[in-house]
Each structure stands twice: as C-alpha cells, then as structure tokens.
C-alpha cells in the first residue's frame, strides 16, 4: 500500500489521499491511517489521514500506529522504559494510558511512525 504521487494535497475525487511528490519519495513504504475516534484529538483530529512510515524508528514521544493482541489498530504516543511500553492517548476525552510489561509489551506490533498528516477539515 504505497503513497500516491501528486502535487495536490488532500483527498481526490476517487477517495484516495494525494500527497506532494517529495512525501512519496521520502517515505516510499508509507501507508495512510485514517483516524477514527478521539484518542489523539489534541494532536490529530478524528477523520484526519496520518501517513505512517514503517521504516522510521519511533523515539520516545513519537506518534505511532500499533496493533494490539485484539487485532485493532491504535494511534498513540509511544514511550519505552526498561521492560515497559506505554501507549499514551492525547485527546480531550479521558482515556487510560496503556502500560504494558514483559511479554505483553513484546506482543505489540508497531506498524510505523507518524510522519505527516492531512487534516480532515479547515484549520
């Protein structure tokens, strides 16, 4: 699932998200994640399209797309400690941080790091 190439930013008439050529050149293996929910609403609003790059290594505080054992994808801020992984929401609604340790932390599939996003509306 690659990034479509275009000089026009935004969603095209066929529903695809188009990005500037430099974006697709810099992140050739990236894919889009459509935000569904308010877990990251302070940073990325519901309905926005976030470009996730599986080749960019996340740092503490990076926004990442992850898949947990339940098979559901989540967009969260990642923090690693010694043997601990925290996935932190950054939304206006109160949500508990996901604190995972040991084998539970190892079972988290990090799909990639957020490197760009297209807002769902006007800023």
PDB file of N, CA and C in Angstrom:
ATOM      1  N   UNK A   1       0.851  -1.163   0.000  1.00  0.00           N
ATOM      2  CA  UNK A   1       0.000   0.000   0.000  1.00  0.00           C
ATOM      3  C   UNK A   1       0.896   1.225   0.000  1.00  0.00           C
ATOM      4  N   UNK A   2       1.176   1.798  -1.119  1.00  0.00           N
ATOM      5  CA  UNK A   2       2.095   2.921  -1.215  1.00  0.00           C
ATOM      6  C   UNK A   2       1.390   4.257  -1.186  1.00  0.00           C
ATOM      7  N   UNK A   3       2.162   5.288  -1.243  1.00  0.00           N
ATOM      8  CA  UNK A   3       1.652   6.653  -1.211  1.00  0.00           C
ATOM      9  C   UNK A   3       1.440   7.106  -2.643  1.00  0.00           C
ATOM     10  N   UNK A   4       0.268   7.653  -2.937  1.00  0.00           N
ATOM     11  CA  UNK A   4       0.033   8.142  -4.297  1.00  0.00           C
ATOM     12  C   UNK A   4       0.801   9.436  -4.516  1.00  0.00           C
ATOM     13  N   UNK A   5       1.203   9.657  -5.749  1.00  0.00           N
ATOM     14  CA  UNK A   5       2.053  10.796  -6.056  1.00  0.00           C
ATOM     15  C   UNK A   5       1.244  11.883  -6.752  1.00  0.00           C
ATOM     16  N   UNK A   6       1.304  13.086  -6.256  1.00  0.00           N
ATOM     17  CA  UNK A   6       0.594  14.215  -6.845  1.00  0.00           C
ATOM     18  C   UNK A   6       1.133  15.498  -6.248  1.00  0.00           C
ATOM     19  N   UNK A   7       0.971  16.598  -6.957  1.00  0.00           N
ATOM     20  CA  UNK A   7       1.362  17.893  -6.418  1.00  0.00           C
ATOM     21  C   UNK A   7       0.259  18.470  -5.551  1.00  0.00           C
ATOM     22  N   UNK A   8      -0.922  17.880  -5.612  1.00  0.00           N
ATOM     23  CA  UNK A   8      -2.074  18.390  -4.884  1.00  0.00           C
ATOM     24  C   UNK A   8      -2.210  17.633  -3.571  1.00  0.00           C
ATOM     25  N   UNK A   9      -2.345  18.371  -2.476  1.00  0.00           N
ATOM     26  CA  UNK A   9      -2.571  17.734  -1.180  1.00  0.00           C
ATOM     27  C   UNK A   9      -4.062  17.573  -0.971  1.00  0.00           C
ATOM     28  N   UNK A  10      -4.447  16.561  -0.282  1.00  0.00           N
ATOM     29  CA  UNK A  10      -5.856  16.361   0.042  1.00  0.00           C
ATOM     30  C   UNK A  10      -6.418  15.112  -0.598  1.00  0.00           C
ATOM     31  N   UNK A  11      -7.691  14.888  -0.365  1.00  0.00           N
ATOM     32  CA  UNK A  11      -8.377  13.701  -0.848  1.00  0.00           C
ATOM     33  C   UNK A  11      -8.901  13.957  -2.252  1.00  0.00           C
ATOM     34  N   UNK A  12      -8.604  13.042  -3.154  1.00  0.00           N
ATOM     35  CA  UNK A  12      -9.045  13.174  -4.536  1.00  0.00           C
ATOM     36  C   UNK A  12     -10.492  12.753  -4.706  1.00  0.00           C
ATOM     37  N   UNK A  13     -11.076  12.999  -5.871  1.00  0.00           N
ATOM     38  CA  UNK A  13     -12.474  12.652  -6.113  1.00  0.00           C
ATOM     39  C   UNK A  13     -12.737  11.155  -6.020  1.00  0.00           C
ATOM     40  N   UNK A  14     -11.714  10.337  -6.217  1.00  0.00           N
ATOM     41  CA  UNK A  14     -11.891   8.885  -6.125  1.00  0.00           C
ATOM     42  C   UNK A  14     -11.693   8.370  -4.700  1.00  0.00           C
ATOM     43  N   UNK A  15     -11.521   9.281  -3.736  1.00  0.00           N
ATOM     44  CA  UNK A  15     -11.363   8.889  -2.337  1.00  0.00           C
ATOM     45  C   UNK A  15      -9.925   8.663  -1.911  1.00  0.00           C
ATOM     46  N   UNK A  16      -8.985   8.694  -2.853  1.00  0.00           N
ATOM     47  CA  UNK A  16      -7.592   8.486  -2.480  1.00  0.00           C
ATOM     48  C   UNK A  16      -7.009   9.757  -1.879  1.00  0.00           C
ATOM     49  N   UNK A  17      -6.006   9.596  -1.066  1.00  0.00           N
ATOM     50  CA  UNK A  17      -5.311  10.736  -0.486  1.00  0.00           C
ATOM     51  C   UNK A  17      -4.095  10.996  -1.344  1.00  0.00           C
ATOM     52  N   UNK A  18      -3.936  12.237  -1.751  1.00  0.00           N
ATOM     53  CA  UNK A  18      -2.812  12.584  -2.609  1.00  0.00           C
ATOM     54  C   UNK A  18      -1.839  13.456  -1.832  1.00  0.00           C
ATOM     55  N   UNK A  19      -0.577  13.232  -2.097  1.00  0.00           N
ATOM     56  CA  UNK A  19       0.464  13.972  -1.397  1.00  0.00           C
ATOM     57  C   UNK A  19       1.455  14.556  -2.396  1.00  0.00           C
ATOM     58  N   UNK A  20       2.260  15.477  -1.925  1.00  0.00           N
ATOM     59  CA  UNK A  20       3.308  16.062  -2.751  1.00  0.00           C
ATOM     60  C   UNK A  20       4.335  14.986  -3.102  1.00  0.00           C
ATOM     61  N   UNK A  21       4.945  15.102  -4.274  1.00  0.00           N
ATOM     62  CA  UNK A  21       5.929  14.090  -4.689  1.00  0.00           C
ATOM     63  C   UNK A  21       7.053  13.871  -3.684  1.00  0.00           C
ATOM     64  N   UNK A  22       7.521  14.940  -3.011  1.00  0.00           N
ATOM     65  CA  UNK A  22       8.625  14.755  -2.060  1.00  0.00           C
ATOM     66  C   UNK A  22       8.234  13.824  -0.920  1.00  0.00           C
ATOM     67  N   UNK A  23       6.939  13.819  -0.560  1.00  0.00           N
ATOM     68  CA  UNK A  23       6.486  12.948   0.535  1.00  0.00           C
ATOM     69  C   UNK A  23       6.602  11.489   0.106  1.00  0.00           C
ATOM     70  N   UNK A  24       6.098  11.174  -1.088  1.00  0.00           N
ATOM     71  CA  UNK A  24       6.154   9.786  -1.543  1.00  0.00           C
ATOM     72  C   UNK A  24       7.584   9.336  -1.826  1.00  0.00           C
ATOM     73  N   UNK A  25       8.444  10.268  -2.223  1.00  0.00           N
ATOM     74  CA  UNK A  25       9.849   9.915  -2.456  1.00  0.00           C
ATOM     75  C   UNK A  25      10.570   9.639  -1.134  1.00  0.00           C
ATOM     76  N   UNK A  26      10.272  10.446  -0.131  1.00  0.00           N
ATOM     77  CA  UNK A  26      10.956  10.291   1.162  1.00  0.00           C
ATOM     78  C   UNK A  26      10.458   9.073   1.943  1.00  0.00           C
ATOM     79  N   UNK A  27       9.185   8.721   1.763  1.00  0.00           N
ATOM     80  CA  UNK A  27       8.584   7.613   2.511  1.00  0.00           C
ATOM     81  C   UNK A  27       7.947   6.609   1.545  1.00  0.00           C
ATOM     82  N   UNK A  28       8.747   5.894   0.765  1.00  0.00           N
ATOM     83  CA  UNK A  28       8.198   5.025  -0.280  1.00  0.00           C
ATOM     84  C   UNK A  28       7.372   3.851   0.238  1.00  0.00           C
ATOM     85  N   UNK A  29       7.556   3.421   1.473  1.00  0.00           N
ATOM     86  CA  UNK A  29       6.815   2.281   2.012  1.00  0.00           C
ATOM     87  C   UNK A  29       5.687   2.688   2.948  1.00  0.00           C
ATOM     88  N   UNK A  30       5.414   3.985   3.001  1.00  0.00           N
ATOM     89  CA  UNK A  30       4.411   4.500   3.937  1.00  0.00           C
ATOM     90  C   UNK A  30       2.998   4.165   3.478  1.00  0.00           C
ATOM     91  N   UNK A  31       2.079   4.216   4.440  1.00  0.00           N
ATOM     92  CA  UNK A  31       0.661   3.988   4.168  1.00  0.00           C
ATOM     93  C   UNK A  31      -0.150   4.951   5.015  1.00  0.00           C
ATOM     94  N   UNK A  32      -1.410   5.133   4.648  1.00  0.00           N
ATOM     95  CA  UNK A  32      -2.271   6.049   5.391  1.00  0.00           C
ATOM     96  C   UNK A  32      -3.091   5.315   6.435  1.00  0.00           C
ATOM     97  N   UNK A  33      -3.274   5.992   7.546  1.00  0.00           N
ATOM     98  CA  UNK A  33      -4.088   5.520   8.669  1.00  0.00           C
ATOM     99  C   UNK A  33      -5.155   6.594   8.867  1.00  0.00           C
ATOM    100  N   UNK A  34      -6.423   6.232   8.731  1.00  0.00           N
ATOM    101  CA  UNK A  34      -7.485   7.203   8.948  1.00  0.00           C
ATOM    102  C   UNK A  34      -7.881   7.176  10.417  1.00  0.00           C
ATOM    103  N   UNK A  35      -7.801   8.326  11.056  1.00  0.00           N
ATOM    104  CA  UNK A  35      -8.096   8.425  12.480  1.00  0.00           C
ATOM    105  C   UNK A  35      -9.597   8.247  12.693  1.00  0.00           C
ATOM    106  N   UNK A  36      -9.927   7.312  13.573  1.00  0.00           N
ATOM    107  CA  UNK A  36     -11.324   7.020  13.875  1.00  0.00           C
ATOM    108  C   UNK A  36     -11.480   7.071  15.399  1.00  0.00           C
ATOM    109  N   UNK A  37     -11.920   8.202  15.900  1.00  0.00           N
ATOM    110  CA  UNK A  37     -12.078   8.354  17.337  1.00  0.00           C
ATOM    111  C   UNK A  37     -11.281   9.532  17.855  1.00  0.00           C
ATOM    112  N   UNK A  38     -11.426   9.792  19.148  1.00  0.00           N
ATOM    113  CA  UNK A  38     -10.822  10.979  19.744  1.00  0.00           C
ATOM    114  C   UNK A  38      -9.611  10.725  20.593  1.00  0.00           C
ATOM    115  N   UNK A  39      -8.991   9.552  20.475  1.00  0.00           N
ATOM    116  CA  UNK A  39      -7.852   9.213  21.317  1.00  0.00           C
ATOM    117  C   UNK A  39      -6.655  10.133  21.161  1.00  0.00           C
ATOM    118  N   UNK A  40      -6.534  10.791  20.018  1.00  0.00           N
ATOM    119  CA  UNK A  40      -5.402  11.695  19.774  1.00  0.00           C
ATOM    120  C   UNK A  40      -5.902  13.073  19.348  1.00  0.00           C
ATOM    121  N   UNK A  41      -7.106  13.447  19.761  1.00  0.00           N
ATOM    122  CA  UNK A  41      -7.771  14.656  19.246  1.00  0.00           C
ATOM    123  C   UNK A  41      -7.044  15.967  19.542  1.00  0.00           C
ATOM    124  N   UNK A  42      -6.191  16.020  20.536  1.00  0.00           N
ATOM    125  CA  UNK A  42      -5.421  17.259  20.786  1.00  0.00           C
ATOM    126  C   UNK A  42      -4.372  17.483  19.709  1.00  0.00           C
ATOM    127  N   UNK A  43      -3.944  16.403  19.084  1.00  0.00           N
ATOM    128  CA  UNK A  43      -2.890  16.471  18.080  1.00  0.00           C
ATOM    129  C   UNK A  43      -3.426  16.243  16.675  1.00  0.00           C
ATOM    130  N   UNK A  44      -4.229  15.201  16.512  1.00  0.00           N
ATOM    131  CA  UNK A  44      -4.752  14.800  15.208  1.00  0.00           C
ATOM    132  C   UNK A  44      -6.254  14.555  15.363  1.00  0.00           C
ATOM    133  N   UNK A  45      -7.054  15.312  14.633  1.00  0.00           N
ATOM    134  CA  UNK A  45      -8.500  15.209  14.804  1.00  0.00           C
ATOM    135  C   UNK A  45      -9.088  13.971  14.119  1.00  0.00           C
ATOM    136  N   UNK A  46     -10.243  13.564  14.605  1.00  0.00           N
ATOM    137  CA  UNK A  46     -10.991  12.440  14.062  1.00  0.00           C
ATOM    138  C   UNK A  46     -11.211  12.656  12.562  1.00  0.00           C
ATOM    139  N   UNK A  47     -10.980  11.633  11.772  1.00  0.00           N
ATOM    140  CA  UNK A  47     -11.172  11.719  10.334  1.00  0.00           C
ATOM    141  C   UNK A  47      -9.949  12.150   9.562  1.00  0.00           C
ATOM    142  N   UNK A  48      -8.899  12.593  10.252  1.00  0.00           N
ATOM    143  CA  UNK A  48      -7.667  13.002   9.563  1.00  0.00           C
ATOM    144  C   UNK A  48      -6.957  11.772   9.005  1.00  0.00           C
ATOM    145  N   UNK A  49      -6.138  12.008   7.999  1.00  0.00           N
ATOM    146  CA  UNK A  49      -5.342  10.950   7.395  1.00  0.00           C
ATOM    147  C   UNK A  49      -3.885  11.131   7.853  1.00  0.00           C
ATOM    148  N   UNK A  50      -3.341  10.105   8.489  1.00  0.00           N
ATOM    149  CA  UNK A  50      -1.979  10.162   9.015  1.00  0.00           C
ATOM    150  C   UNK A  50      -1.111   9.221   8.193  1.00  0.00           C
ATOM    151  N   UNK A  51       0.015   9.735   7.732  1.00  0.00           N
ATOM    152  CA  UNK A  51       0.954   8.917   6.973  1.00  0.00           C
ATOM    153  C   UNK A  51       1.861   8.189   7.958  1.00  0.00           C
ATOM    154  N   UNK A  52       1.826   6.871   7.890  1.00  0.00           N
ATOM    155  CA  UNK A  52       2.593   6.020   8.795  1.00  0.00           C
ATOM    156  C   UNK A  52       3.741   5.400   8.008  1.00  0.00           C
ATOM    157  N   UNK A  53       4.970   5.607   8.500  1.00  0.00           N
ATOM    158  CA  UNK A  53       6.139   5.049   7.833  1.00  0.00           C
ATOM    159  C   UNK A  53       6.697   3.893   8.662  1.00  0.00           C
ATOM    160  N   UNK A  54       6.651   2.674   8.115  1.00  0.00           N
ATOM    161  CA  UNK A  54       7.181   1.532   8.857  1.00  0.00           C
ATOM    162  C   UNK A  54       8.700   1.534   8.965  1.00  0.00           C
ATOM    163  N   UNK A  55       9.375   2.375   8.182  1.00  0.00           N
ATOM    164  CA  UNK A  55      10.840   2.411   8.185  1.00  0.00           C
ATOM    165  C   UNK A  55      11.427   3.455   9.137  1.00  0.00           C
ATOM    166  N   UNK A  56      10.592   4.338   9.679  1.00  0.00           N
ATOM    167  CA  UNK A  56      11.066   5.354  10.619  1.00  0.00           C
ATOM    168  C   UNK A  56      10.985   4.790  12.037  1.00  0.00           C
ATOM    169  N   UNK A  57      12.119   4.722  12.705  1.00  0.00           N
ATOM    170  CA  UNK A  57      12.179   4.164  14.061  1.00  0.00           C
ATOM    171  C   UNK A  57      11.593   5.182  15.036  1.00  0.00           C
ATOM    172  N   UNK A  58      10.584   4.780  15.823  1.00  0.00           N
ATOM    173  CA  UNK A  58       9.983   5.733  16.762  1.00  0.00           C
ATOM    174  C   UNK A  58      10.901   6.043  17.936  1.00  0.00           C
ATOM    175  N   UNK A  59      10.851   7.292  18.361  1.00  0.00           N
ATOM    176  CA  UNK A  59      11.563   7.738  19.553  1.00  0.00           C
ATOM    177  C   UNK A  59      10.541   7.901  20.678  1.00  0.00           C
ATOM    178  N   UNK A  60      10.987   8.053  21.907  1.00  0.00           N
ATOM    179  CA  UNK A  60      10.049   8.316  22.996  1.00  0.00           C
ATOM    180  C   UNK A  60       9.276   9.590  22.677  1.00  0.00           C
ATOM    181  N   UNK A  61       7.964   9.495  22.720  1.00  0.00           N
ATOM    182  CA  UNK A  61       7.099  10.627  22.424  1.00  0.00           C
ATOM    183  C   UNK A  61       6.583  10.645  20.999  1.00  0.00           C
ATOM    184  N   UNK A  62       7.110   9.770  20.139  1.00  0.00           N
ATOM    185  CA  UNK A  62       6.624   9.704  18.757  1.00  0.00           C
ATOM    186  C   UNK A  62       5.184   9.196  18.726  1.00  0.00           C
ATOM    187  N   UNK A  63       4.443   9.652  17.728  1.00  0.00           N
ATOM    188  CA  UNK A  63       3.110   9.105  17.482  1.00  0.00           C
ATOM    189  C   UNK A  63       3.293   7.886  16.596  1.00  0.00           C
ATOM    190  N   UNK A  64       2.711   6.775  17.007  1.00  0.00           N
ATOM    191  CA  UNK A  64       2.853   5.528  16.269  1.00  0.00           C
ATOM    192  C   UNK A  64       1.489   4.889  16.031  1.00  0.00           C
ATOM    193  N   UNK A  65       1.430   4.073  15.009  1.00  0.00           N
ATOM    194  CA  UNK A  65       0.278   3.196  14.787  1.00  0.00           C
ATOM    195  C   UNK A  65       0.698   1.832  15.308  1.00  0.00           C
ATOM    196  N   UNK A  66      -0.125   1.253  16.151  1.00  0.00           N
ATOM    197  CA  UNK A  66       0.180  -0.057  16.726  1.00  0.00           C
ATOM    198  C   UNK A  66      -1.028  -0.969  16.564  1.00  0.00           C
ATOM    199  N   UNK A  67      -0.739  -2.254  16.633  1.00  0.00           N
ATOM    200  CA  UNK A  67      -1.807  -3.247  16.666  1.00  0.00           C
ATOM    201  C   UNK A  67      -1.585  -4.090  17.911  1.00  0.00           C
ATOM    202  N   UNK A  68      -2.629  -4.199  18.721  1.00  0.00           N
ATOM    203  CA  UNK A  68      -2.527  -4.979  19.946  1.00  0.00           C
ATOM    204  C   UNK A  68      -3.064  -6.386  19.699  1.00  0.00           C
ATOM    205  N   UNK A  69      -3.035  -7.211  20.746  1.00  0.00           N
ATOM    206  CA  UNK A  69      -3.500  -8.590  20.618  1.00  0.00           C
ATOM    207  C   UNK A  69      -4.942  -8.690  20.157  1.00  0.00           C
ATOM    208  N   UNK A  70      -5.747  -7.651  20.405  1.00  0.00           N
ATOM    209  CA  UNK A  70      -7.146  -7.683  19.985  1.00  0.00           C
ATOM    210  C   UNK A  70      -7.300  -7.469  18.477  1.00  0.00           C
ATOM    211  N   UNK A  71      -6.172  -7.204  17.777  1.00  0.00           N
ATOM    212  CA  UNK A  71      -6.203  -7.028  16.336  1.00  0.00           C
ATOM    213  C   UNK A  71      -6.616  -5.646  15.873  1.00  0.00           C
ATOM    214  N   UNK A  72      -6.913  -4.763  16.818  1.00  0.00           N
ATOM    215  CA  UNK A  72      -7.346  -3.404  16.481  1.00  0.00           C
ATOM    216  C   UNK A  72      -6.147  -2.476  16.363  1.00  0.00           C
ATOM    217  N   UNK A  73      -6.164  -1.594  15.360  1.00  0.00           N
ATOM    218  CA  UNK A  73      -5.088  -0.604  15.256  1.00  0.00           C
ATOM    219  C   UNK A  73      -5.384   0.607  16.140  1.00  0.00           C
ATOM    220  N   UNK A  74      -4.352   1.179  16.707  1.00  0.00           N
ATOM    221  CA  UNK A  74      -4.462   2.365  17.551  1.00  0.00           C
ATOM    222  C   UNK A  74      -3.399   3.362  17.128  1.00  0.00           C
ATOM    223  N   UNK A  75      -3.712   4.633  17.303  1.00  0.00           N
ATOM    224  CA  UNK A  75      -2.735   5.703  17.106  1.00  0.00           C
ATOM    225  C   UNK A  75      -2.469   6.281  18.490  1.00  0.00           C
ATOM    226  N   UNK A  76      -1.219   6.226  18.959  1.00  0.00           N
ATOM    227  CA  UNK A  76      -0.871   6.667  20.305  1.00  0.00           C
ATOM    228  C   UNK A  76       0.553   7.209  20.329  1.00  0.00           C
ATOM    229  N   UNK A  77       0.878   7.937  21.403  1.00  0.00           N
ATOM    230  CA  UNK A  77       2.268   8.329  21.654  1.00  0.00           C
ATOM    231  C   UNK A  77       2.950   7.163  22.353  1.00  0.00           C
ATOM    232  N   UNK A  78       4.164   6.878  21.930  1.00  0.00           N
ATOM    233  CA  UNK A  78       4.901   5.738  22.458  1.00  0.00           C
ATOM    234  C   UNK A  78       5.991   6.213  23.407  1.00  0.00           C
ATOM    235  N   UNK A  79       6.084   5.544  24.530  1.00  0.00           N
ATOM    236  CA  UNK A  79       7.172   5.771  25.487  1.00  0.00           C
ATOM    237  C   UNK A  79       7.677   4.410  25.941  1.00  0.00           C
ATOM    238  N   UNK A  80       8.992   4.218  25.859  1.00  0.00           N
ATOM    239  CA  UNK A  80       9.601   2.962  26.301  1.00  0.00           C
ATOM    240  C   UNK A  80      10.409   3.215  27.563  1.00  0.00           C
ATOM    241  N   UNK A  81      10.249   2.300  28.500  1.00  0.00           N
ATOM    242  CA  UNK A  81      11.065   2.295  29.696  1.00  0.00           C
ATOM    243  C   UNK A  81      11.788   0.965  29.743  1.00  0.00           C
ATOM    244  N   UNK A  82      12.455   0.699  30.814  1.00  0.00           N
ATOM    245  CA  UNK A  82      13.155  -0.571  30.944  1.00  0.00           C
ATOM    246  C   UNK A  82      12.118  -1.670  31.175  1.00  0.00           C
ATOM    247  N   UNK A  83      11.838  -2.446  30.136  1.00  0.00           N
ATOM    248  CA  UNK A  83      10.866  -3.532  30.226  1.00  0.00           C
ATOM    249  C   UNK A  83       9.420  -3.084  30.167  1.00  0.00           C
ATOM    250  N   UNK A  84       9.170  -1.807  29.925  1.00  0.00           N
ATOM    251  CA  UNK A  84       7.805  -1.278  29.910  1.00  0.00           C
ATOM    252  C   UNK A  84       7.561  -0.499  28.627  1.00  0.00           C
ATOM    253  N   UNK A  85       6.365  -0.635  28.112  1.00  0.00           N
ATOM    254  CA  UNK A  85       5.943   0.122  26.943  1.00  0.00           C
ATOM    255  C   UNK A  85       4.664   0.855  27.323  1.00  0.00           C
ATOM    256  N   UNK A  86       4.665   2.179  27.149  1.00  0.00           N
ATOM    257  CA  UNK A  86       3.458   2.969  27.422  1.00  0.00           C
ATOM    258  C   UNK A  86       2.936   3.518  26.111  1.00  0.00           C
ATOM    259  N   UNK A  87       1.638   3.343  25.886  1.00  0.00           N
ATOM    260  CA  UNK A  87       0.948   3.919  24.739  1.00  0.00           C
ATOM    261  C   UNK A  87      -0.030   4.927  25.309  1.00  0.00           C
ATOM    262  N   UNK A  88       0.235   6.193  25.032  1.00  0.00           N
ATOM    263  CA  UNK A  88      -0.460   7.286  25.693  1.00  0.00           C
ATOM    264  C   UNK A  88      -1.381   8.002  24.715  1.00  0.00           C
ATOM    265  N   UNK A  89      -2.643   8.137  25.106  1.00  0.00           N
ATOM    266  CA  UNK A  89      -3.600   8.918  24.322  1.00  0.00           C
ATOM    267  C   UNK A  89      -3.310  10.404  24.541  1.00  0.00           C
ATOM    268  N   UNK A  90      -3.694  11.211  23.564  1.00  0.00           N
ATOM    269  CA  UNK A  90      -3.509  12.654  23.658  1.00  0.00           C
ATOM    270  C   UNK A  90      -4.789  13.316  23.159  1.00  0.00           C
ATOM    271  N   UNK A  91      -5.882  12.991  23.854  1.00  0.00           N
ATOM    272  CA  UNK A  91      -7.176  13.502  23.419  1.00  0.00           C
ATOM    273  C   UNK A  91      -7.853  14.328  24.493  1.00  0.00           C
ATOM    274  N   UNK A  92      -8.916  14.984  24.090  1.00  0.00           N
ATOM    275  CA  UNK A  92      -9.688  15.783  25.034  1.00  0.00           C
ATOM    276  C   UNK A  92     -10.527  14.908  25.953  1.00  0.00           C
ATOM    277  N   UNK A  93     -10.872  13.721  25.475  1.00  0.00           N
ATOM    278  CA  UNK A  93     -11.623  12.773  26.297  1.00  0.00           C
ATOM    279  C   UNK A  93     -10.647  12.011  27.189  1.00  0.00           C
ATOM    280  N   UNK A  94     -11.050  11.734  28.415  1.00  0.00           N
ATOM    281  CA  UNK A  94     -10.184  10.997  29.335  1.00  0.00           C
ATOM    282  C   UNK A  94     -10.059   9.544  28.877  1.00  0.00           C
ATOM    283  N   UNK A  95      -8.846   9.095  28.699  1.00  0.00           N
ATOM    284  CA  UNK A  95      -8.556   7.700  28.344  1.00  0.00           C
ATOM    285  C   UNK A  95      -7.369   7.257  29.181  1.00  0.00           C
ATOM    286  N   UNK A  96      -7.409   6.014  29.597  1.00  0.00           N
ATOM    287  CA  UNK A  96      -6.294   5.485  30.381  1.00  0.00           C
ATOM    288  C   UNK A  96      -5.120   5.176  29.476  1.00  0.00           C
ATOM    289  N   UNK A  97      -3.911   5.431  29.994  1.00  0.00           N
ATOM    290  CA  UNK A  97      -2.710   5.035  29.273  1.00  0.00           C
ATOM    291  C   UNK A  97      -2.649   3.516  29.253  1.00  0.00           C
ATOM    292  N   UNK A  98      -2.110   2.968  28.175  1.00  0.00           N
ATOM    293  CA  UNK A  98      -1.889   1.527  28.092  1.00  0.00           C
ATOM    294  C   UNK A  98      -0.460   1.285  28.547  1.00  0.00           C
ATOM    295  N   UNK A  99      -0.299   0.660  29.694  1.00  0.00           N
ATOM    296  CA  UNK A  99       1.025   0.352  30.227  1.00  0.00           C
ATOM    297  C   UNK A  99       1.212  -1.155  30.116  1.00  0.00           C
ATOM    298  N   UNK A 100       2.183  -1.557  29.310  1.00  0.00           N
ATOM    299  CA  UNK A 100       2.403  -2.969  29.015  1.00  0.00           C
ATOM    300  C   UNK A 100       3.793  -3.363  29.467  1.00  0.00           C
ATOM    301  N   UNK A 101       3.894  -4.542  30.052  1.00  0.00           N
ATOM    302  CA  UNK A 101       5.178  -5.008  30.563  1.00  0.00           C
ATOM    303  C   UNK A 101       5.449  -6.432  30.096  1.00  0.00           C
ATOM    304  N   UNK A 102       6.733  -6.775  30.035  1.00  0.00           N
ATOM    305  CA  UNK A 102       7.156  -8.132  29.712  1.00  0.00           C
ATOM    306  C   UNK A 102       6.586  -8.641  28.397  1.00  0.00           C
ATOM    307  N   UNK A 103       6.046  -9.869  28.422  1.00  0.00           N
ATOM    308  CA  UNK A 103       5.533 -10.491  27.200  1.00  0.00           C
ATOM    309  C   UNK A 103       4.393  -9.687  26.555  1.00  0.00           C
ATOM    310  N   UNK A 104       3.622  -9.022  27.395  1.00  0.00           N
ATOM    311  CA  UNK A 104       2.524  -8.201  26.870  1.00  0.00           C
ATOM    312  C   UNK A 104       3.077  -7.048  26.021  1.00  0.00           C
ATOM    313  N   UNK A 105       4.160  -6.430  26.466  1.00  0.00           N
ATOM    314  CA  UNK A 105       4.794  -5.353  25.701  1.00  0.00           C
ATOM    315  C   UNK A 105       5.403  -5.895  24.415  1.00  0.00           C
ATOM    316  N   UNK A 106       5.956  -7.100  24.488  1.00  0.00           N
ATOM    317  CA  UNK A 106       6.570  -7.707  23.309  1.00  0.00           C
ATOM    318  C   UNK A 106       5.544  -8.090  22.253  1.00  0.00           C
ATOM    319  N   UNK A 107       4.280  -8.256  22.658  1.00  0.00           N
ATOM    320  CA  UNK A 107       3.247  -8.678  21.713  1.00  0.00           C
ATOM    321  C   UNK A 107       2.680  -7.515  20.889  1.00  0.00           C
ATOM    322  N   UNK A 108       3.051  -6.281  21.228  1.00  0.00           N
ATOM    323  CA  UNK A 108       2.556  -5.117  20.497  1.00  0.00           C
ATOM    324  C   UNK A 108       3.277  -5.031  19.157  1.00  0.00           C
ATOM    325  N   UNK A 109       2.494  -4.951  18.092  1.00  0.00           N
ATOM    326  CA  UNK A 109       3.055  -4.797  16.756  1.00  0.00           C
ATOM    327  C   UNK A 109       3.069  -3.312  16.411  1.00  0.00           C
ATOM    328  N   UNK A 110       4.259  -2.744  16.287  1.00  0.00           N
ATOM    329  CA  UNK A 110       4.380  -1.338  15.893  1.00  0.00           C
ATOM    330  C   UNK A 110       4.346  -1.293  14.376  1.00  0.00           C
ATOM    331  N   UNK A 111       3.261  -0.735  13.839  1.00  0.00           N
ATOM    332  CA  UNK A 111       3.069  -0.680  12.394  1.00  0.00           C
ATOM    333  C   UNK A 111       3.946   0.387  11.751  1.00  0.00           C
ATOM    334  N   UNK A 112       4.238   1.448  12.491  1.00  0.00           N
ATOM    335  CA  UNK A 112       5.084   2.506  11.968  1.00  0.00           C
ATOM    336  C   UNK A 112       4.909   3.800  12.735  1.00  0.00           C
ATOM    337  N   UNK A 113       5.680   4.780  12.337  1.00  0.00           N
ATOM    338  CA  UNK A 113       5.712   6.094  12.978  1.00  0.00           C
ATOM    339  C   UNK A 113       4.984   7.111  12.110  1.00  0.00           C
ATOM    340  N   UNK A 114       4.202   7.978  12.753  1.00  0.00           N
ATOM    341  CA  UNK A 114       3.510   9.049  12.031  1.00  0.00           C
ATOM    342  C   UNK A 114       4.537  10.065  11.560  1.00  0.00           C
ATOM    343  N   UNK A 115       4.513  10.377  10.254  1.00  0.00           N
ATOM    344  CA  UNK A 115       5.491  11.308   9.695  1.00  0.00           C
ATOM    345  C   UNK A 115       4.834  12.511   9.016  1.00  0.00           C
ATOM    346  N   UNK A 116       3.519  12.449   8.795  1.00  0.00           N
ATOM    347  CA  UNK A 116       2.811  13.527   8.084  1.00  0.00           C
ATOM    348  C   UNK A 116       1.330  13.280   8.268  1.00  0.00           C
ATOM    349  N   UNK A 117       0.535  14.362   8.242  1.00  0.00           N
ATOM    350  CA  UNK A 117      -0.905  14.124   8.249  1.00  0.00           C
ATOM    351  C   UNK A 117      -1.632  15.199   7.477  1.00  0.00           C
ATOM    352  N   UNK A 118      -2.825  14.818   7.031  1.00  0.00           N
ATOM    353  CA  UNK A 118      -3.728  15.724   6.316  1.00  0.00           C
ATOM    354  C   UNK A 118      -4.959  15.889   7.191  1.00  0.00           C
ATOM    355  N   UNK A 119      -5.232  17.101   7.606  1.00  0.00           N
ATOM    356  CA  UNK A 119      -6.378  17.379   8.449  1.00  0.00           C
ATOM    357  C   UNK A 119      -7.674  17.017   7.726  1.00  0.00           C
ATOM    358  N   UNK A 120      -8.683  16.695   8.507  1.00  0.00           N
ATOM    359  CA  UNK A 120      -9.980  16.353   7.921  1.00  0.00           C
ATOM    360  C   UNK A 120     -10.802  17.575   7.568  1.00  0.00           C
ATOM    361  N   UNK A 121     -10.318  18.740   7.861  1.00  0.00           N
ATOM    362  CA  UNK A 121     -11.083  19.954   7.558  1.00  0.00           C
ATOM    363  C   UNK A 121     -10.193  21.176   7.611  1.00  0.00           C
ATOM    364  N   UNK A 122     -10.829  22.298   7.744  1.00  0.00           N
ATOM    365  CA  UNK A 122     -10.072  23.546   7.799  1.00  0.00           C
ATOM    366  C   UNK A 122      -9.360  23.692   9.125  1.00  0.00           C
ATOM    367  N   UNK A 123      -8.260  24.407   9.120  1.00  0.00           N
ATOM    368  CA  UNK A 123      -7.516  24.662  10.360  1.00  0.00           C
ATOM    369  C   UNK A 123      -7.869  26.005  10.912  1.00  0.00           C
TER     370      UNK A 123
END
